[in-house]
């Protein structure tokens, strides 16, 4: 009986090792493909928030990391720097809205150097379907309402949802989500406005 137990144990161990090997091999073979898909997806978003006619460099590679409370997180966040003919034209910065209804909302904001917002997109969220998920461009075009706007001393008080006396629509039954996104975009834009030159002079270190 003892020999049978040992034999069964050896068989189970062999199957476990084989399964682990298959998982590891699959991960190895698909890692590069997954990385390429993620890069292509990010480039697609970057070209939505920074028009392709505004840059001739590789945005994915022209990336630096920044860290500031205005970006809604303690983690380093990437900034993608656009240039044309060697001259800076715009940037796209990722930020977090930490106070979404169902948790953190990751966003990206494209901006010209004069502070004009070129475009914004939601990269990741867990908001309620049919309510808070209207921040997603696949659901509504609400996120497009930031394009062409600036955060200045004169306009700062308008960077709120209408319920709070601002210029941006909220959603019926869901004010917390758009309020969080408006606030995050405002704070990220203020950070860029105050640190634009510093960001441009940082090393391109996202891949390190």
C-alpha atoms as a PDB file:
ATOM      1  CA  UNK A   1       0.000   0.000   0.000  1.00  0.00           C
ATOM      2  CA  UNK A   2       2.886   2.316   0.849  1.00  0.00           C
ATOM      3  CA  UNK A   3       4.377   1.718  -2.593  1.00  0.00           C
ATOM      4  CA  UNK A   4       1.048   2.562  -4.222  1.00  0.00           C
ATOM      5  CA  UNK A   5       0.851   5.850  -2.291  1.00  0.00           C
ATOM      6  CA  UNK A   6       4.398   6.720  -3.335  1.00  0.00           C
ATOM      7  CA  UNK A   7       3.620   5.830  -6.930  1.00  0.00           C
ATOM      8  CA  UNK A   8       0.470   8.002  -6.969  1.00  0.00           C
ATOM      9  CA  UNK A   9       2.394  10.840  -5.305  1.00  0.00           C
ATOM     10  CA  UNK A  10       5.091  10.631  -7.968  1.00  0.00           C
ATOM     11  CA  UNK A  11       2.476  10.699 -10.739  1.00  0.00           C
ATOM     12  CA  UNK A  12       0.772  13.742  -9.208  1.00  0.00           C
ATOM     13  CA  UNK A  13       4.118  15.500  -8.851  1.00  0.00           C
ATOM     14  CA  UNK A  14       4.923  14.725 -12.487  1.00  0.00           C
ATOM     15  CA  UNK A  15       1.596  16.158 -13.644  1.00  0.00           C
ATOM     16  CA  UNK A  16       2.137  19.258 -11.497  1.00  0.00           C
ATOM     17  CA  UNK A  17       5.581  19.836 -12.998  1.00  0.00           C
ATOM     18  CA  UNK A  18       4.237  19.281 -16.502  1.00  0.00           C
ATOM     19  CA  UNK A  19       1.361  21.736 -15.937  1.00  0.00           C
ATOM     20  CA  UNK A  20       3.735  24.344 -14.536  1.00  0.00           C
ATOM     21  CA  UNK A  21       5.987  23.881 -17.542  1.00  0.00           C
ATOM     22  CA  UNK A  22       3.104  24.342 -19.971  1.00  0.00           C
ATOM     23  CA  UNK A  23       1.979  27.541 -18.198  1.00  0.00           C
ATOM     24  CA  UNK A  24       5.520  28.916 -18.193  1.00  0.00           C
ATOM     25  CA  UNK A  25       6.032  28.059 -21.865  1.00  0.00           C
ATOM     26  CA  UNK A  26       2.704  29.632 -22.837  1.00  0.00           C
ATOM     27  CA  UNK A  27       3.595  32.805 -20.927  1.00  0.00           C
ATOM     28  CA  UNK A  28       7.000  32.944 -22.615  1.00  0.00           C
ATOM     29  CA  UNK A  29       5.559  32.453 -26.097  1.00  0.00           C
ATOM     30  CA  UNK A  30       2.745  34.992 -25.670  1.00  0.00           C
ATOM     31  CA  UNK A  31       4.559  37.647 -23.616  1.00  0.00           C
ATOM     32  CA  UNK A  32       5.974  39.453 -26.645  1.00  0.00           C
ATOM     33  CA  UNK A  33       2.656  39.308 -28.509  1.00  0.00           C
ATOM     34  CA  UNK A  34       0.757  40.669 -25.502  1.00  0.00           C
ATOM     35  CA  UNK A  35       3.324  43.457 -25.143  1.00  0.00           C
ATOM     36  CA  UNK A  36       2.921  44.394 -28.803  1.00  0.00           C
ATOM     37  CA  UNK A  37      -0.872  44.449 -28.465  1.00  0.00           C
ATOM     38  CA  UNK A  38      -0.675  46.664 -25.362  1.00  0.00           C
ATOM     39  CA  UNK A  39       1.700  49.046 -27.149  1.00  0.00           C
ATOM     40  CA  UNK A  40      -0.581  49.236 -30.192  1.00  0.00           C
ATOM     41  CA  UNK A  41      -3.591  49.914 -27.966  1.00  0.00           C
ATOM     42  CA  UNK A  42      -1.763  52.674 -26.100  1.00  0.00           C
ATOM     43  CA  UNK A  43      -0.560  54.262 -29.343  1.00  0.00           C
ATOM     44  CA  UNK A  44      -4.146  54.285 -30.580  1.00  0.00           C
ATOM     45  CA  UNK A  45      -5.246  56.197 -27.467  1.00  0.00           C
ATOM     46  CA  UNK A  46      -2.281  58.566 -27.675  1.00  0.00           C
ATOM     47  CA  UNK A  47      -3.171  59.427 -31.262  1.00  0.00           C
ATOM     48  CA  UNK A  48      -6.695  60.219 -30.089  1.00  0.00           C
ATOM     49  CA  UNK A  49      -5.556  62.739 -27.471  1.00  0.00           C
ATOM     50  CA  UNK A  50      -2.663  64.125 -29.542  1.00  0.00           C
ATOM     51  CA  UNK A  51      -3.535  64.415 -33.261  1.00  0.00           C
ATOM     52  CA  UNK A  52      -1.051  62.644 -35.521  1.00  0.00           C
ATOM     53  CA  UNK A  53      -0.399  65.861 -37.469  1.00  0.00           C
ATOM     54  CA  UNK A  54       1.096  67.379 -34.299  1.00  0.00           C
ATOM     55  CA  UNK A  55       4.029  64.977 -34.003  1.00  0.00           C
ATOM     56  CA  UNK A  56       6.517  62.990 -36.038  1.00  0.00           C
ATOM     57  CA  UNK A  57       8.182  61.165 -33.148  1.00  0.00           C
ATOM     58  CA  UNK A  58       7.340  57.845 -31.511  1.00  0.00           C
ATOM     59  CA  UNK A  59       5.144  58.849 -28.560  1.00  0.00           C
ATOM     60  CA  UNK A  60       5.459  55.450 -26.900  1.00  0.00           C
ATOM     61  CA  UNK A  61       9.239  55.777 -26.715  1.00  0.00           C
ATOM     62  CA  UNK A  62       9.315  59.504 -25.879  1.00  0.00           C
ATOM     63  CA  UNK A  63       8.097  58.997 -22.337  1.00  0.00           C
ATOM     64  CA  UNK A  64       9.124  60.241 -18.912  1.00  0.00           C
ATOM     65  CA  UNK A  65       7.856  59.531 -15.403  1.00  0.00           C
ATOM     66  CA  UNK A  66       6.526  62.137 -12.990  1.00  0.00           C
ATOM     67  CA  UNK A  67       5.290  61.979  -9.429  1.00  0.00           C
ATOM     68  CA  UNK A  68       3.030  64.569  -7.823  1.00  0.00           C
ATOM     69  CA  UNK A  69      -0.044  64.592  -5.542  1.00  0.00           C
ATOM     70  CA  UNK A  70      -2.017  66.479  -8.204  1.00  0.00           C
ATOM     71  CA  UNK A  71      -1.956  63.303 -10.301  1.00  0.00           C
ATOM     72  CA  UNK A  72      -4.047  61.480  -7.719  1.00  0.00           C
ATOM     73  CA  UNK A  73      -1.565  58.790  -6.747  1.00  0.00           C
ATOM     74  CA  UNK A  74       1.750  58.166  -5.001  1.00  0.00           C
ATOM     75  CA  UNK A  75       2.962  56.152  -7.993  1.00  0.00           C
ATOM     76  CA  UNK A  76       5.046  57.471 -10.881  1.00  0.00           C
ATOM     77  CA  UNK A  77       2.871  58.356 -13.860  1.00  0.00           C
ATOM     78  CA  UNK A  78       3.955  58.431 -17.510  1.00  0.00           C
ATOM     79  CA  UNK A  79       4.020  61.542 -19.660  1.00  0.00           C
ATOM     80  CA  UNK A  80       4.314  61.094 -23.443  1.00  0.00           C
ATOM     81  CA  UNK A  81       6.067  64.002 -25.143  1.00  0.00           C
ATOM     82  CA  UNK A  82       5.124  64.955 -28.687  1.00  0.00           C
ATOM     83  CA  UNK A  83       7.436  66.834 -31.029  1.00  0.00           C
ATOM     84  CA  UNK A  84       7.579  67.778 -34.697  1.00  0.00           C
ATOM     85  CA  UNK A  85      10.747  68.620 -36.580  1.00  0.00           C
ATOM     86  CA  UNK A  86      12.534  68.411 -33.237  1.00  0.00           C
ATOM     87  CA  UNK A  87      10.313  71.004 -31.545  1.00  0.00           C
ATOM     88  CA  UNK A  88       7.990  70.167 -28.613  1.00  0.00           C
ATOM     89  CA  UNK A  89       4.331  70.457 -29.566  1.00  0.00           C
ATOM     90  CA  UNK A  90       2.232  68.710 -26.933  1.00  0.00           C
ATOM     91  CA  UNK A  91       2.156  66.035 -24.271  1.00  0.00           C
ATOM     92  CA  UNK A  92      -0.169  63.386 -22.893  1.00  0.00           C
ATOM     93  CA  UNK A  93      -0.181  62.685 -19.176  1.00  0.00           C
ATOM     94  CA  UNK A  94      -1.803  59.862 -17.253  1.00  0.00           C
ATOM     95  CA  UNK A  95      -3.523  60.580 -13.942  1.00  0.00           C
ATOM     96  CA  UNK A  96      -5.840  58.976 -11.414  1.00  0.00           C
ATOM     97  CA  UNK A  97      -9.225  60.119 -10.175  1.00  0.00           C
ATOM     98  CA  UNK A  98      -9.048  58.380  -6.776  1.00  0.00           C
ATOM     99  CA  UNK A  99     -12.597  59.220  -5.722  1.00  0.00           C
ATOM    100  CA  UNK A 100     -14.728  57.502  -8.336  1.00  0.00           C
ATOM    101  CA  UNK A 101     -17.944  55.878  -7.135  1.00  0.00           C
ATOM    102  CA  UNK A 102     -16.496  52.356  -7.395  1.00  0.00           C
ATOM    103  CA  UNK A 103     -12.819  53.186  -6.974  1.00  0.00           C
ATOM    104  CA  UNK A 104      -9.959  54.759  -8.872  1.00  0.00           C
ATOM    105  CA  UNK A 105     -10.414  55.904 -12.471  1.00  0.00           C
ATOM    106  CA  UNK A 106      -7.354  56.117 -14.700  1.00  0.00           C
ATOM    107  CA  UNK A 107      -7.407  58.864 -17.321  1.00  0.00           C
ATOM    108  CA  UNK A 108      -5.089  60.380 -19.913  1.00  0.00           C
ATOM    109  CA  UNK A 109      -5.058  64.032 -20.983  1.00  0.00           C
ATOM    110  CA  UNK A 110      -3.488  65.447 -24.130  1.00  0.00           C
ATOM    111  CA  UNK A 111      -2.416  69.103 -23.911  1.00  0.00           C
ATOM    112  CA  UNK A 112      -0.782  71.735 -26.086  1.00  0.00           C
ATOM    113  CA  UNK A 113       1.983  73.834 -24.572  1.00  0.00           C
ATOM    114  CA  UNK A 114      -0.337  76.785 -24.153  1.00  0.00           C
ATOM    115  CA  UNK A 115      -2.468  74.677 -21.800  1.00  0.00           C
ATOM    116  CA  UNK A 116      -5.241  73.881 -24.281  1.00  0.00           C
ATOM    117  CA  UNK A 117      -6.627  70.389 -23.775  1.00  0.00           C
ATOM    118  CA  UNK A 118      -6.510  68.420 -27.013  1.00  0.00           C
ATOM    119  CA  UNK A 119      -8.373  65.389 -25.782  1.00  0.00           C
ATOM    120  CA  UNK A 120      -9.080  63.175 -22.796  1.00  0.00           C
ATOM    121  CA  UNK A 121      -9.858  59.482 -22.468  1.00  0.00           C
ATOM    122  CA  UNK A 122     -10.659  57.083 -19.656  1.00  0.00           C
ATOM    123  CA  UNK A 123      -8.139  54.244 -19.624  1.00  0.00           C
ATOM    124  CA  UNK A 124      -9.587  52.140 -16.826  1.00  0.00           C
ATOM    125  CA  UNK A 125     -12.589  52.266 -14.494  1.00  0.00           C
ATOM    126  CA  UNK A 126     -14.997  50.121 -12.489  1.00  0.00           C
ATOM    127  CA  UNK A 127     -17.981  52.467 -12.559  1.00  0.00           C
ATOM    128  CA  UNK A 128     -21.570  51.224 -12.571  1.00  0.00           C
ATOM    129  CA  UNK A 129     -22.898  50.159 -16.003  1.00  0.00           C
ATOM    130  CA  UNK A 130     -25.669  52.454 -17.181  1.00  0.00           C
ATOM    131  CA  UNK A 131     -24.681  55.199 -14.735  1.00  0.00           C
ATOM    132  CA  UNK A 132     -21.047  56.074 -14.064  1.00  0.00           C
ATOM    133  CA  UNK A 133     -19.716  54.240 -17.119  1.00  0.00           C
ATOM    134  CA  UNK A 134     -20.920  57.156 -19.273  1.00  0.00           C
ATOM    135  CA  UNK A 135     -17.414  58.582 -18.826  1.00  0.00           C
ATOM    136  CA  UNK A 136     -16.310  55.915 -21.315  1.00  0.00           C
ATOM    137  CA  UNK A 137     -16.279  57.068 -24.948  1.00  0.00           C
ATOM    138  CA  UNK A 138     -17.711  53.698 -25.959  1.00  0.00           C
ATOM    139  CA  UNK A 139     -20.864  54.611 -24.011  1.00  0.00           C
ATOM    140  CA  UNK A 140     -21.284  58.382 -24.520  1.00  0.00           C
ATOM    141  CA  UNK A 141     -19.282  61.314 -25.895  1.00  0.00           C
ATOM    142  CA  UNK A 142     -19.222  63.120 -22.511  1.00  0.00           C
ATOM    143  CA  UNK A 143     -15.433  62.807 -22.242  1.00  0.00           C
ATOM    144  CA  UNK A 144     -15.077  64.909 -25.421  1.00  0.00           C
ATOM    145  CA  UNK A 145     -16.463  67.973 -23.627  1.00  0.00           C
ATOM    146  CA  UNK A 146     -12.990  68.842 -22.283  1.00  0.00           C
ATOM    147  CA  UNK A 147     -11.391  69.329 -25.712  1.00  0.00           C
ATOM    148  CA  UNK A 148     -10.413  72.920 -26.474  1.00  0.00           C
ATOM    149  CA  UNK A 149     -10.668  74.068 -22.872  1.00  0.00           C
ATOM    150  CA  UNK A 150      -7.986  75.442 -20.508  1.00  0.00           C
ATOM    151  CA  UNK A 151      -7.552  75.613 -16.776  1.00  0.00           C
ATOM    152  CA  UNK A 152      -6.717  79.230 -15.958  1.00  0.00           C
ATOM    153  CA  UNK A 153      -7.199  81.503 -12.969  1.00  0.00           C
ATOM    154  CA  UNK A 154     -10.231  82.997 -14.677  1.00  0.00           C
ATOM    155  CA  UNK A 155     -11.821  79.652 -15.596  1.00  0.00           C
ATOM    156  CA  UNK A 156     -10.786  77.637 -12.525  1.00  0.00           C
ATOM    157  CA  UNK A 157     -14.142  78.103 -10.769  1.00  0.00           C
ATOM    158  CA  UNK A 158     -15.933  76.623 -13.800  1.00  0.00           C
ATOM    159  CA  UNK A 159     -14.079  73.322 -13.572  1.00  0.00           C
ATOM    160  CA  UNK A 160     -16.924  71.556 -11.790  1.00  0.00           C
ATOM    161  CA  UNK A 161     -20.078  69.719 -12.760  1.00  0.00           C
ATOM    162  CA  UNK A 162     -23.168  71.894 -13.234  1.00  0.00           C
ATOM    163  CA  UNK A 163     -24.661  70.683  -9.961  1.00  0.00           C
ATOM    164  CA  UNK A 164     -21.699  72.301  -8.199  1.00  0.00           C
ATOM    165  CA  UNK A 165     -21.907  75.517 -10.235  1.00  0.00           C
ATOM    166  CA  UNK A 166     -19.549  74.494 -13.039  1.00  0.00           C
ATOM    167  CA  UNK A 167     -19.722  73.990 -16.809  1.00  0.00           C
ATOM    168  CA  UNK A 168     -19.671  70.195 -17.158  1.00  0.00           C
ATOM    169  CA  UNK A 169     -22.724  67.954 -17.292  1.00  0.00           C
ATOM    170  CA  UNK A 170     -23.283  65.328 -14.655  1.00  0.00           C
ATOM    171  CA  UNK A 171     -25.219  62.116 -15.248  1.00  0.00           C
ATOM    172  CA  UNK A 172     -28.730  61.472 -14.001  1.00  0.00           C
ATOM    173  CA  UNK A 173     -28.356  59.456 -10.804  1.00  0.00           C
ATOM    174  CA  UNK A 174     -24.567  59.544 -10.952  1.00  0.00           C
ATOM    175  CA  UNK A 175     -22.832  62.771  -9.990  1.00  0.00           C
ATOM    176  CA  UNK A 176     -19.875  61.309  -8.083  1.00  0.00           C
ATOM    177  CA  UNK A 177     -18.200  59.795 -11.154  1.00  0.00           C
ATOM    178  CA  UNK A 178     -18.151  62.852 -13.460  1.00  0.00           C
ATOM    179  CA  UNK A 179     -17.271  65.065 -10.496  1.00  0.00           C
ATOM    180  CA  UNK A 180     -14.203  62.874  -9.826  1.00  0.00           C
ATOM    181  CA  UNK A 181     -13.104  62.943 -13.479  1.00  0.00           C
ATOM    182  CA  UNK A 182     -13.523  66.720 -13.833  1.00  0.00           C
ATOM    183  CA  UNK A 183     -11.499  67.265 -10.673  1.00  0.00           C
ATOM    184  CA  UNK A 184      -8.732  64.881 -11.820  1.00  0.00           C
ATOM    185  CA  UNK A 185      -8.427  66.505 -15.245  1.00  0.00           C
ATOM    186  CA  UNK A 186      -8.345  69.960 -13.676  1.00  0.00           C
ATOM    187  CA  UNK A 187      -5.587  69.022 -11.207  1.00  0.00           C
ATOM    188  CA  UNK A 188      -3.517  67.236 -13.870  1.00  0.00           C
ATOM    189  CA  UNK A 189      -3.802  70.251 -16.178  1.00  0.00           C
ATOM    190  CA  UNK A 190      -2.733  72.574 -13.365  1.00  0.00           C
ATOM    191  CA  UNK A 191       0.278  70.338 -12.731  1.00  0.00           C
ATOM    192  CA  UNK A 192       1.294  70.468 -16.389  1.00  0.00           C
ATOM    193  CA  UNK A 193       0.788  74.226 -16.563  1.00  0.00           C
ATOM    194  CA  UNK A 194       3.138  74.687 -13.592  1.00  0.00           C
ATOM    195  CA  UNK A 195       5.778  72.106 -14.559  1.00  0.00           C
ATOM    196  CA  UNK A 196       5.835  72.060 -18.368  1.00  0.00           C
ATOM    197  CA  UNK A 197       9.489  73.072 -18.788  1.00  0.00           C
ATOM    198  CA  UNK A 198      10.603  70.724 -16.029  1.00  0.00           C
ATOM    199  CA  UNK A 199       8.786  67.800 -17.653  1.00  0.00           C
ATOM    200  CA  UNK A 200      10.366  68.485 -21.042  1.00  0.00           C
ATOM    201  CA  UNK A 201      13.869  68.405 -19.517  1.00  0.00           C
ATOM    202  CA  UNK A 202      13.436  65.099 -17.711  1.00  0.00           C
ATOM    203  CA  UNK A 203      15.121  61.905 -18.990  1.00  0.00           C
ATOM    204  CA  UNK A 204      13.037  59.581 -21.165  1.00  0.00           C
ATOM    205  CA  UNK A 205      12.928  56.797 -18.606  1.00  0.00           C
ATOM    206  CA  UNK A 206       9.598  54.949 -18.818  1.00  0.00           C
ATOM    207  CA  UNK A 207      11.234  51.761 -20.074  1.00  0.00           C
ATOM    208  CA  UNK A 208      13.882  51.571 -17.349  1.00  0.00           C
END
